[in-house]
Amino acid sequence: MDLPELLERCRRGDELAWEALVRRYQARVYGLALHYVRDAEEARDVAQEIFVRIYRNLGKLPDHEMFLPWLIRLGRNLCVDHLRRAKVRPSGSAIPIEDAPVLRDAAPTPEAAFATDDSKRLIHEALQRLSAANREMILLKEIEGLELKEIASLLGLPIGTVKSRSNRARVELARAVLSLQGATP
């Protein structure tokens, strides 16, 4: 089913269309959350919160051309809010590892599937070495595929600033990859 039809059916309350929409975007939303919060369990919680927010606003879903930028903006904002709340909330007491329950799922986790490919692992490790601003720029432009004008709107920056930050982020990423490979940047 194409996206315009899927969104229209969701607006009308079609539960099967909602399920199809979640399935279509769950990996992307989880990946976005994971890039921001950098913890798998917290990323799952934030991704769920993103879908709850979308569900509450089904009647207000944007048209298909604006849906992905809207989804990414919503996800980014919820991730930033989550990180802000985490800073003011005291951390809970740690459970000794021997007392922690063991819950195993037979299916490989998204992290395990991601880690199987060496080149992806190299890029992922290089991304972790980037500054937060450059990592966000790579995420929005290269991973999420947003256009520069959409990023400028999302971040509230002039398009020229976004262009220069994008170029700097790609250069920093290339240097981090070369550094991890043992080459001189």
N, C-alpha and C. Protein backbone atom coordinates (compact mmCIF):
# COMPACT_ATOMS: atom_id res chain seq x y z
N MET A 1 0.85 -1.16 0.00
CA MET A 1 0.00 0.00 0.00
C MET A 1 0.90 1.24 0.00
N ASP A 2 0.59 2.20 -0.85
CA ASP A 2 1.42 3.39 -0.91
C ASP A 2 1.12 4.30 0.29
N LEU A 3 2.07 5.19 0.56
CA LEU A 3 1.99 6.03 1.75
C LEU A 3 0.76 6.95 1.78
N PRO A 4 0.39 7.62 0.69
CA PRO A 4 -0.81 8.49 0.77
C PRO A 4 -2.06 7.71 1.20
N GLU A 5 -2.24 6.52 0.63
CA GLU A 5 -3.42 5.72 0.98
C GLU A 5 -3.33 5.24 2.43
N LEU A 6 -2.13 4.83 2.83
CA LEU A 6 -1.93 4.35 4.20
C LEU A 6 -2.25 5.45 5.21
N LEU A 7 -1.76 6.66 4.96
CA LEU A 7 -2.03 7.78 5.87
C LEU A 7 -3.52 8.12 5.92
N GLU A 8 -4.16 8.09 4.76
CA GLU A 8 -5.59 8.39 4.72
C GLU A 8 -6.38 7.36 5.51
N ARG A 9 -6.04 6.10 5.36
CA ARG A 9 -6.73 5.05 6.11
C ARG A 9 -6.47 5.19 7.60
N CYS A 10 -5.26 5.59 7.98
CA CYS A 10 -4.96 5.81 9.40
C CYS A 10 -5.80 6.95 9.95
N ARG A 11 -5.93 8.02 9.17
CA ARG A 11 -6.75 9.17 9.60
C ARG A 11 -8.19 8.76 9.85
N ARG A 12 -8.67 7.78 9.08
CA ARG A 12 -10.06 7.30 9.23
C ARG A 12 -10.20 6.27 10.34
N GLY A 13 -9.09 5.90 11.03
CA GLY A 13 -9.18 4.98 12.15
C GLY A 13 -9.01 3.51 11.80
N ASP A 14 -8.49 3.20 10.63
CA ASP A 14 -8.28 1.82 10.20
C ASP A 14 -7.12 1.22 11.00
N GLU A 15 -7.43 0.25 11.84
CA GLU A 15 -6.41 -0.35 12.71
C GLU A 15 -5.36 -1.13 11.93
N LEU A 16 -5.76 -1.78 10.85
CA LEU A 16 -4.79 -2.51 10.03
C LEU A 16 -3.82 -1.55 9.34
N ALA A 17 -4.31 -0.41 8.93
CA ALA A 17 -3.44 0.60 8.33
C ALA A 17 -2.46 1.14 9.38
N TRP A 18 -2.94 1.35 10.60
CA TRP A 18 -2.07 1.80 11.68
C TRP A 18 -0.95 0.78 11.90
N GLU A 19 -1.31 -0.50 11.96
CA GLU A 19 -0.31 -1.54 12.16
C GLU A 19 0.70 -1.54 11.01
N ALA A 20 0.24 -1.36 9.79
CA ALA A 20 1.13 -1.31 8.63
C ALA A 20 2.06 -0.10 8.71
N LEU A 21 1.54 1.03 9.17
CA LEU A 21 2.36 2.23 9.31
C LEU A 21 3.45 2.01 10.36
N VAL A 22 3.09 1.41 11.48
CA VAL A 22 4.07 1.13 12.54
C VAL A 22 5.14 0.19 12.01
N ARG A 23 4.73 -0.86 11.34
CA ARG A 23 5.70 -1.83 10.80
C ARG A 23 6.64 -1.17 9.79
N ARG A 24 6.10 -0.27 8.98
CA ARG A 24 6.91 0.39 7.95
C ARG A 24 7.97 1.29 8.57
N TYR A 25 7.65 1.94 9.69
CA TYR A 25 8.57 2.95 10.25
C TYR A 25 9.20 2.56 11.58
N GLN A 26 8.92 1.38 12.13
CA GLN A 26 9.43 1.07 13.46
C GLN A 26 10.95 1.00 13.51
N ALA A 27 11.59 0.41 12.51
CA ALA A 27 13.05 0.32 12.53
C ALA A 27 13.67 1.71 12.41
N ARG A 28 13.08 2.54 11.57
CA ARG A 28 13.61 3.89 11.38
C ARG A 28 13.46 4.72 12.65
N VAL A 29 12.31 4.61 13.30
CA VAL A 29 12.06 5.36 14.54
C VAL A 29 12.98 4.86 15.65
N TYR A 30 13.13 3.56 15.75
CA TYR A 30 14.04 3.00 16.76
C TYR A 30 15.47 3.46 16.51
N GLY A 31 15.90 3.40 15.25
CA GLY A 31 17.25 3.84 14.91
C GLY A 31 17.49 5.30 15.25
N LEU A 32 16.50 6.13 14.97
CA LEU A 32 16.59 7.55 15.31
C LEU A 32 16.74 7.72 16.82
N ALA A 33 15.89 7.04 17.57
CA ALA A 33 15.96 7.13 19.03
C ALA A 33 17.29 6.62 19.56
N LEU A 34 17.78 5.53 19.00
CA LEU A 34 19.05 4.95 19.45
C LEU A 34 20.21 5.91 19.20
N HIS A 35 20.18 6.63 18.08
CA HIS A 35 21.25 7.59 17.80
C HIS A 35 21.27 8.72 18.81
N TYR A 36 20.10 9.10 19.30
CA TYR A 36 20.06 10.19 20.27
C TYR A 36 20.31 9.72 21.69
N VAL A 37 19.60 8.72 22.16
CA VAL A 37 19.70 8.35 23.57
C VAL A 37 20.85 7.38 23.84
N ARG A 38 21.32 6.66 22.82
CA ARG A 38 22.50 5.81 22.88
C ARG A 38 22.40 4.68 23.90
N ASP A 39 21.18 4.25 24.17
CA ASP A 39 20.94 3.10 25.04
C ASP A 39 19.76 2.34 24.44
N ALA A 40 19.96 1.04 24.20
CA ALA A 40 18.95 0.24 23.50
C ALA A 40 17.61 0.23 24.21
N GLU A 41 17.62 0.02 25.51
CA GLU A 41 16.35 -0.05 26.25
C GLU A 41 15.64 1.30 26.26
N GLU A 42 16.39 2.37 26.49
CA GLU A 42 15.78 3.70 26.47
C GLU A 42 15.27 4.04 25.08
N ALA A 43 16.01 3.60 24.05
CA ALA A 43 15.58 3.86 22.67
C ALA A 43 14.26 3.17 22.38
N ARG A 44 14.07 1.97 22.90
CA ARG A 44 12.79 1.27 22.72
C ARG A 44 11.66 2.06 23.38
N ASP A 45 11.92 2.55 24.58
CA ASP A 45 10.91 3.34 25.29
C ASP A 45 10.56 4.62 24.53
N VAL A 46 11.58 5.31 24.04
CA VAL A 46 11.35 6.56 23.32
C VAL A 46 10.62 6.27 22.01
N ALA A 47 11.00 5.20 21.31
CA ALA A 47 10.33 4.84 20.06
C ALA A 47 8.85 4.56 20.32
N GLN A 48 8.57 3.87 21.41
CA GLN A 48 7.17 3.60 21.76
C GLN A 48 6.44 4.92 22.04
N GLU A 49 7.10 5.82 22.74
CA GLU A 49 6.49 7.11 23.04
C GLU A 49 6.21 7.90 21.75
N ILE A 50 7.10 7.77 20.77
CA ILE A 50 6.90 8.45 19.48
C ILE A 50 5.65 7.91 18.81
N PHE A 51 5.50 6.57 18.79
CA PHE A 51 4.32 6.00 18.14
C PHE A 51 3.03 6.31 18.91
N VAL A 52 3.12 6.41 20.22
CA VAL A 52 1.94 6.81 21.00
C VAL A 52 1.53 8.23 20.61
N ARG A 53 2.51 9.11 20.47
CA ARG A 53 2.23 10.50 20.09
C ARG A 53 1.62 10.55 18.69
N ILE A 54 2.14 9.73 17.76
CA ILE A 54 1.58 9.70 16.41
C ILE A 54 0.13 9.22 16.47
N TYR A 55 -0.11 8.17 17.26
CA TYR A 55 -1.46 7.60 17.35
C TYR A 55 -2.45 8.62 17.89
N ARG A 56 -2.01 9.40 18.87
CA ARG A 56 -2.90 10.42 19.44
C ARG A 56 -3.22 11.53 18.44
N ASN A 57 -2.35 11.68 17.42
CA ASN A 57 -2.53 12.74 16.44
C ASN A 57 -2.88 12.20 15.06
N LEU A 58 -3.49 11.02 14.99
CA LEU A 58 -3.82 10.42 13.70
C LEU A 58 -4.66 11.33 12.82
N GLY A 59 -5.58 12.03 13.42
CA GLY A 59 -6.43 12.93 12.64
C GLY A 59 -5.69 14.12 12.07
N LYS A 60 -4.53 14.41 12.61
CA LYS A 60 -3.75 15.58 12.19
C LYS A 60 -2.51 15.20 11.38
N LEU A 61 -2.42 13.96 10.93
CA LEU A 61 -1.23 13.53 10.19
C LEU A 61 -1.04 14.42 8.96
N PRO A 62 0.21 14.82 8.69
CA PRO A 62 0.45 15.65 7.50
C PRO A 62 0.30 14.80 6.23
N ASP A 63 0.30 15.47 5.08
CA ASP A 63 0.21 14.72 3.83
C ASP A 63 1.47 13.89 3.63
N HIS A 64 1.44 13.00 2.67
CA HIS A 64 2.52 12.04 2.49
C HIS A 64 3.86 12.70 2.20
N GLU A 65 3.88 13.86 1.56
CA GLU A 65 5.14 14.53 1.25
C GLU A 65 5.81 15.09 2.49
N MET A 66 5.03 15.47 3.48
CA MET A 66 5.58 16.06 4.70
C MET A 66 5.63 15.07 5.86
N PHE A 67 5.17 13.84 5.66
CA PHE A 67 5.08 12.89 6.77
C PHE A 67 6.45 12.54 7.34
N LEU A 68 7.42 12.17 6.49
CA LEU A 68 8.72 11.76 7.01
C LEU A 68 9.43 12.90 7.75
N PRO A 69 9.52 14.11 7.19
CA PRO A 69 10.12 15.20 7.97
C PRO A 69 9.37 15.45 9.29
N TRP A 70 8.04 15.36 9.26
CA TRP A 70 7.24 15.54 10.48
C TRP A 70 7.57 14.45 11.49
N LEU A 71 7.67 13.20 11.02
CA LEU A 71 7.99 12.07 11.90
C LEU A 71 9.37 12.25 12.53
N ILE A 72 10.33 12.65 11.74
CA ILE A 72 11.69 12.83 12.26
C ILE A 72 11.74 14.00 13.23
N ARG A 73 11.03 15.08 12.93
CA ARG A 73 10.99 16.22 13.85
C ARG A 73 10.37 15.81 15.19
N LEU A 74 9.26 15.09 15.12
CA LEU A 74 8.59 14.60 16.32
C LEU A 74 9.54 13.70 17.11
N GLY A 75 10.18 12.76 16.42
CA GLY A 75 11.11 11.85 17.08
C GLY A 75 12.27 12.57 17.72
N ARG A 76 12.86 13.50 16.99
CA ARG A 76 13.99 14.27 17.52
C ARG A 76 13.57 15.05 18.76
N ASN A 77 12.43 15.71 18.69
CA ASN A 77 11.97 16.50 19.83
C ASN A 77 11.73 15.62 21.06
N LEU A 78 11.11 14.46 20.86
CA LEU A 78 10.88 13.56 22.00
C LEU A 78 12.18 13.01 22.56
N CYS A 79 13.15 12.75 21.69
CA CYS A 79 14.47 12.28 22.17
C CYS A 79 15.16 13.36 22.99
N VAL A 80 15.13 14.58 22.50
CA VAL A 80 15.75 15.70 23.23
C VAL A 80 15.05 15.90 24.57
N ASP A 81 13.71 15.84 24.57
CA ASP A 81 12.97 15.95 25.83
C ASP A 81 13.36 14.83 26.79
N HIS A 82 13.48 13.61 26.27
CA HIS A 82 13.87 12.47 27.10
C HIS A 82 15.25 12.70 27.72
N LEU A 83 16.19 13.19 26.92
CA LEU A 83 17.54 13.44 27.43
C LEU A 83 17.54 14.55 28.48
N ARG A 84 16.71 15.56 28.28
CA ARG A 84 16.61 16.64 29.28
C ARG A 84 16.05 16.11 30.60
N ARG A 85 15.00 15.29 30.50
CA ARG A 85 14.42 14.72 31.72
C ARG A 85 15.42 13.80 32.43
N ALA A 86 16.21 13.08 31.66
CA ALA A 86 17.19 12.16 32.26
C ALA A 86 18.26 12.93 33.02
N LYS A 87 18.59 14.14 32.56
CA LYS A 87 19.61 14.94 33.25
C LYS A 87 19.14 15.41 34.62
N VAL A 88 17.84 15.72 34.75
CA VAL A 88 17.34 16.23 36.03
C VAL A 88 16.86 15.13 36.94
N ARG A 89 16.65 13.94 36.40
CA ARG A 89 16.17 12.81 37.20
C ARG A 89 17.37 12.06 37.78
N PRO A 90 17.39 11.81 39.07
CA PRO A 90 18.51 11.05 39.62
C PRO A 90 18.47 9.62 39.10
N SER A 91 19.66 9.06 38.88
CA SER A 91 19.71 7.69 38.38
C SER A 91 19.28 6.72 39.47
N GLY A 92 18.62 5.64 39.04
CA GLY A 92 18.16 4.62 39.98
C GLY A 92 19.31 3.81 40.52
N SER A 93 19.04 3.06 41.56
CA SER A 93 20.09 2.22 42.11
C SER A 93 20.33 1.04 41.18
N ALA A 94 21.58 0.68 41.05
CA ALA A 94 21.96 -0.41 40.16
C ALA A 94 21.66 -1.76 40.81
N ILE A 95 21.24 -2.70 39.98
CA ILE A 95 20.99 -4.07 40.43
C ILE A 95 22.27 -4.86 40.17
N PRO A 96 22.77 -5.58 41.17
CA PRO A 96 23.95 -6.41 40.90
C PRO A 96 23.65 -7.39 39.76
N ILE A 97 24.62 -7.61 38.91
CA ILE A 97 24.42 -8.42 37.72
C ILE A 97 23.92 -9.81 38.05
N GLU A 98 24.36 -10.37 39.15
CA GLU A 98 23.91 -11.72 39.51
C GLU A 98 22.44 -11.76 39.93
N ASP A 99 21.89 -10.60 40.32
CA ASP A 99 20.48 -10.53 40.70
C ASP A 99 19.55 -10.13 39.56
N ALA A 100 20.14 -9.71 38.45
CA ALA A 100 19.33 -9.24 37.33
C ALA A 100 18.66 -10.43 36.65
N PRO A 101 17.40 -10.29 36.28
CA PRO A 101 16.72 -11.38 35.58
C PRO A 101 17.27 -11.55 34.17
N VAL A 102 17.29 -12.76 33.69
CA VAL A 102 17.76 -13.04 32.34
C VAL A 102 16.55 -13.27 31.44
N LEU A 103 16.35 -12.37 30.54
CA LEU A 103 15.26 -12.47 29.58
C LEU A 103 15.88 -12.56 28.20
N ARG A 104 15.67 -13.66 27.53
CA ARG A 104 16.27 -13.84 26.22
C ARG A 104 15.20 -14.00 25.16
N ASP A 105 15.45 -13.38 24.04
CA ASP A 105 14.58 -13.50 22.89
C ASP A 105 15.33 -14.31 21.84
N ALA A 106 14.68 -15.28 21.23
CA ALA A 106 15.33 -16.13 20.24
C ALA A 106 15.74 -15.35 18.99
N ALA A 107 14.98 -14.31 18.65
CA ALA A 107 15.30 -13.52 17.46
C ALA A 107 16.48 -12.60 17.76
N PRO A 108 17.33 -12.37 16.78
CA PRO A 108 18.43 -11.43 17.01
C PRO A 108 17.90 -10.02 17.21
N THR A 109 18.51 -9.30 18.10
CA THR A 109 18.10 -7.92 18.35
C THR A 109 18.54 -7.05 17.18
N PRO A 110 17.95 -5.87 17.04
CA PRO A 110 18.41 -4.98 15.97
C PRO A 110 19.90 -4.64 16.13
N GLU A 111 20.34 -4.51 17.37
CA GLU A 111 21.75 -4.22 17.60
C GLU A 111 22.64 -5.37 17.13
N ALA A 112 22.23 -6.61 17.41
CA ALA A 112 23.02 -7.77 17.00
C ALA A 112 23.05 -7.89 15.49
N ALA A 113 21.92 -7.66 14.84
CA ALA A 113 21.89 -7.71 13.39
C ALA A 113 22.77 -6.63 12.79
N PHE A 114 22.77 -5.45 13.40
CA PHE A 114 23.58 -4.34 12.93
C PHE A 114 25.06 -4.64 13.10
N ALA A 115 25.42 -5.26 14.21
CA ALA A 115 26.82 -5.51 14.53
C ALA A 115 27.44 -6.62 13.68
N THR A 116 26.66 -7.37 12.95
CA THR A 116 27.22 -8.47 12.17
C THR A 116 28.03 -8.00 10.98
N ASP A 117 27.78 -6.86 10.48
CA ASP A 117 28.49 -6.37 9.31
C ASP A 117 29.64 -5.45 9.76
N ASP A 118 30.86 -5.81 9.40
CA ASP A 118 32.03 -5.05 9.84
C ASP A 118 32.03 -3.60 9.37
N SER A 119 31.62 -3.35 8.14
CA SER A 119 31.64 -1.97 7.66
C SER A 119 30.61 -1.13 8.41
N LYS A 120 29.46 -1.72 8.70
CA LYS A 120 28.46 -0.98 9.47
C LYS A 120 28.98 -0.72 10.88
N ARG A 121 29.65 -1.71 11.44
CA ARG A 121 30.19 -1.55 12.79
C ARG A 121 31.24 -0.43 12.81
N LEU A 122 32.07 -0.39 11.76
CA LEU A 122 33.08 0.66 11.66
C LEU A 122 32.43 2.04 11.60
N ILE A 123 31.41 2.18 10.76
CA ILE A 123 30.71 3.47 10.65
C ILE A 123 30.04 3.82 11.97
N HIS A 124 29.41 2.84 12.59
CA HIS A 124 28.75 3.09 13.88
C HIS A 124 29.75 3.57 14.92
N GLU A 125 30.90 2.93 14.98
CA GLU A 125 31.93 3.34 15.95
C GLU A 125 32.46 4.73 15.62
N ALA A 126 32.64 5.00 14.33
CA ALA A 126 33.11 6.32 13.92
C ALA A 126 32.08 7.39 14.28
N LEU A 127 30.78 7.08 14.12
CA LEU A 127 29.73 8.03 14.49
C LEU A 127 29.79 8.38 15.97
N GLN A 128 30.13 7.40 16.80
CA GLN A 128 30.19 7.65 18.24
C GLN A 128 31.32 8.62 18.60
N ARG A 129 32.31 8.74 17.72
CA ARG A 129 33.44 9.65 17.97
C ARG A 129 33.15 11.09 17.55
N LEU A 130 32.08 11.29 16.82
CA LEU A 130 31.76 12.63 16.34
C LEU A 130 31.18 13.49 17.46
N SER A 131 31.29 14.79 17.27
CA SER A 131 30.63 15.69 18.20
C SER A 131 29.12 15.49 18.05
N ALA A 132 28.37 15.87 19.06
CA ALA A 132 26.92 15.67 19.05
C ALA A 132 26.28 16.38 17.86
N ALA A 133 26.73 17.60 17.56
CA ALA A 133 26.15 18.35 16.44
C ALA A 133 26.45 17.67 15.11
N ASN A 134 27.67 17.19 14.94
CA ASN A 134 28.02 16.52 13.68
C ASN A 134 27.34 15.17 13.55
N ARG A 135 27.21 14.45 14.66
CA ARG A 135 26.51 13.17 14.63
C ARG A 135 25.04 13.39 14.24
N GLU A 136 24.43 14.44 14.79
CA GLU A 136 23.04 14.74 14.46
C GLU A 136 22.91 15.10 12.97
N MET A 137 23.87 15.85 12.45
CA MET A 137 23.82 16.24 11.04
C MET A 137 23.93 15.02 10.13
N ILE A 138 24.84 14.09 10.44
CA ILE A 138 24.98 12.85 9.66
C ILE A 138 23.69 12.05 9.76
N LEU A 139 23.14 11.96 10.94
CA LEU A 139 21.90 11.21 11.15
C LEU A 139 20.78 11.77 10.29
N LEU A 140 20.57 13.07 10.36
CA LEU A 140 19.45 13.68 9.65
C LEU A 140 19.64 13.65 8.13
N LYS A 141 20.85 13.94 7.67
CA LYS A 141 21.07 14.06 6.23
C LYS A 141 21.37 12.71 5.59
N GLU A 142 22.33 11.99 6.11
CA GLU A 142 22.79 10.78 5.44
C GLU A 142 21.98 9.54 5.80
N ILE A 143 21.56 9.42 7.05
CA ILE A 143 20.85 8.22 7.47
C ILE A 143 19.35 8.37 7.26
N GLU A 144 18.79 9.50 7.69
CA GLU A 144 17.35 9.70 7.54
C GLU A 144 16.98 10.26 6.17
N GLY A 145 17.97 10.79 5.44
CA GLY A 145 17.72 11.23 4.07
C GLY A 145 16.98 12.54 3.93
N LEU A 146 17.02 13.37 4.95
CA LEU A 146 16.35 14.67 4.84
C LEU A 146 17.14 15.59 3.93
N GLU A 147 16.43 16.47 3.25
CA GLU A 147 17.08 17.47 2.42
C GLU A 147 17.58 18.61 3.30
N LEU A 148 18.53 19.37 2.77
CA LEU A 148 19.13 20.45 3.54
C LEU A 148 18.08 21.45 4.02
N LYS A 149 17.10 21.79 3.18
CA LYS A 149 16.08 22.76 3.59
C LYS A 149 15.22 22.20 4.72
N GLU A 150 14.97 20.89 4.72
CA GLU A 150 14.20 20.26 5.80
C GLU A 150 14.99 20.28 7.10
N ILE A 151 16.30 20.04 7.00
CA ILE A 151 17.15 20.09 8.19
C ILE A 151 17.21 21.51 8.73
N ALA A 152 17.33 22.48 7.83
CA ALA A 152 17.37 23.88 8.26
C ALA A 152 16.09 24.25 9.00
N SER A 153 14.97 23.80 8.48
CA SER A 153 13.69 24.08 9.14
C SER A 153 13.61 23.38 10.50
N LEU A 154 14.03 22.12 10.53
CA LEU A 154 13.97 21.32 11.76
C LEU A 154 14.83 21.93 12.86
N LEU A 155 16.05 22.36 12.50
CA LEU A 155 16.98 22.88 13.51
C LEU A 155 16.87 24.39 13.70
N GLY A 156 16.09 25.05 12.86
CA GLY A 156 15.96 26.50 12.98
C GLY A 156 17.23 27.23 12.61
N LEU A 157 17.91 26.76 11.56
CA LEU A 157 19.17 27.35 11.12
C LEU A 157 19.06 27.81 9.68
N PRO A 158 19.89 28.78 9.29
CA PRO A 158 19.94 29.17 7.88
C PRO A 158 20.48 28.01 7.03
N ILE A 159 20.06 27.94 5.78
CA ILE A 159 20.46 26.85 4.89
C ILE A 159 21.98 26.83 4.69
N GLY A 160 22.62 27.99 4.64
CA GLY A 160 24.08 28.05 4.48
C GLY A 160 24.80 27.42 5.66
N THR A 161 24.29 27.65 6.85
CA THR A 161 24.87 27.05 8.05
C THR A 161 24.73 25.54 8.01
N VAL A 162 23.58 25.07 7.57
CA VAL A 162 23.35 23.63 7.48
C VAL A 162 24.30 23.01 6.46
N LYS A 163 24.51 23.69 5.33
CA LYS A 163 25.42 23.18 4.31
C LYS A 163 26.84 23.05 4.86
N SER A 164 27.31 24.08 5.53
CA SER A 164 28.68 24.03 6.05
C SER A 164 28.80 23.00 7.17
N ARG A 165 27.80 22.90 8.04
CA ARG A 165 27.84 21.90 9.10
C ARG A 165 27.79 20.49 8.53
N SER A 166 27.03 20.31 7.47
CA SER A 166 26.94 19.01 6.82
C SER A 166 28.31 18.60 6.26
N ASN A 167 28.96 19.54 5.58
CA ASN A 167 30.28 19.24 5.03
C ASN A 167 31.29 18.94 6.14
N ARG A 168 31.27 19.74 7.20
CA ARG A 168 32.19 19.49 8.31
C ARG A 168 31.93 18.15 8.97
N ALA A 169 30.67 17.78 9.09
CA ALA A 169 30.32 16.49 9.70
C ALA A 169 30.84 15.33 8.85
N ARG A 170 30.70 15.45 7.54
CA ARG A 170 31.19 14.37 6.66
C ARG A 170 32.69 14.27 6.72
N VAL A 171 33.39 15.40 6.81
CA VAL A 171 34.85 15.38 6.92
C VAL A 171 35.25 14.75 8.26
N GLU A 172 34.58 15.14 9.34
CA GLU A 172 34.90 14.55 10.65
C GLU A 172 34.63 13.05 10.66
N LEU A 173 33.54 12.61 10.02
CA LEU A 173 33.24 11.19 9.94
C LEU A 173 34.32 10.45 9.15
N ALA A 174 34.74 11.02 8.04
CA ALA A 174 35.79 10.39 7.23
C ALA A 174 37.08 10.26 8.04
N ARG A 175 37.42 11.30 8.78
CA ARG A 175 38.64 11.24 9.61
C ARG A 175 38.52 10.18 10.70
N ALA A 176 37.34 10.07 11.29
CA ALA A 176 37.13 9.06 12.33
C ALA A 176 37.24 7.65 11.76
N VAL A 177 36.70 7.44 10.56
CA VAL A 177 36.81 6.11 9.92
C VAL A 177 38.26 5.79 9.62
N LEU A 178 38.99 6.76 9.05
CA LEU A 178 40.40 6.52 8.76
C LEU A 178 41.20 6.25 10.02
N SER A 179 40.88 6.97 11.08
CA SER A 179 41.57 6.77 12.36
C SER A 179 41.31 5.36 12.89
N LEU A 180 40.09 4.89 12.79
CA LEU A 180 39.76 3.55 13.25
C LEU A 180 40.42 2.47 12.40
N GLN A 181 40.64 2.76 11.15
CA GLN A 181 41.29 1.80 10.26
C GLN A 181 42.80 1.84 10.40
N GLY A 182 43.30 2.81 11.18
CA GLY A 182 44.74 2.90 11.40
C GLY A 182 45.46 3.76 10.37
N ALA A 183 44.70 4.40 9.49
CA ALA A 183 45.30 5.29 8.49
C ALA A 183 45.46 6.68 9.08
N THR A 184 46.34 7.47 8.50
CA THR A 184 46.53 8.83 8.96
C THR A 184 45.52 9.73 8.26
N PRO A 185 44.67 10.44 9.03
CA PRO A 185 43.67 11.30 8.41
C PRO A 185 44.27 12.50 7.75
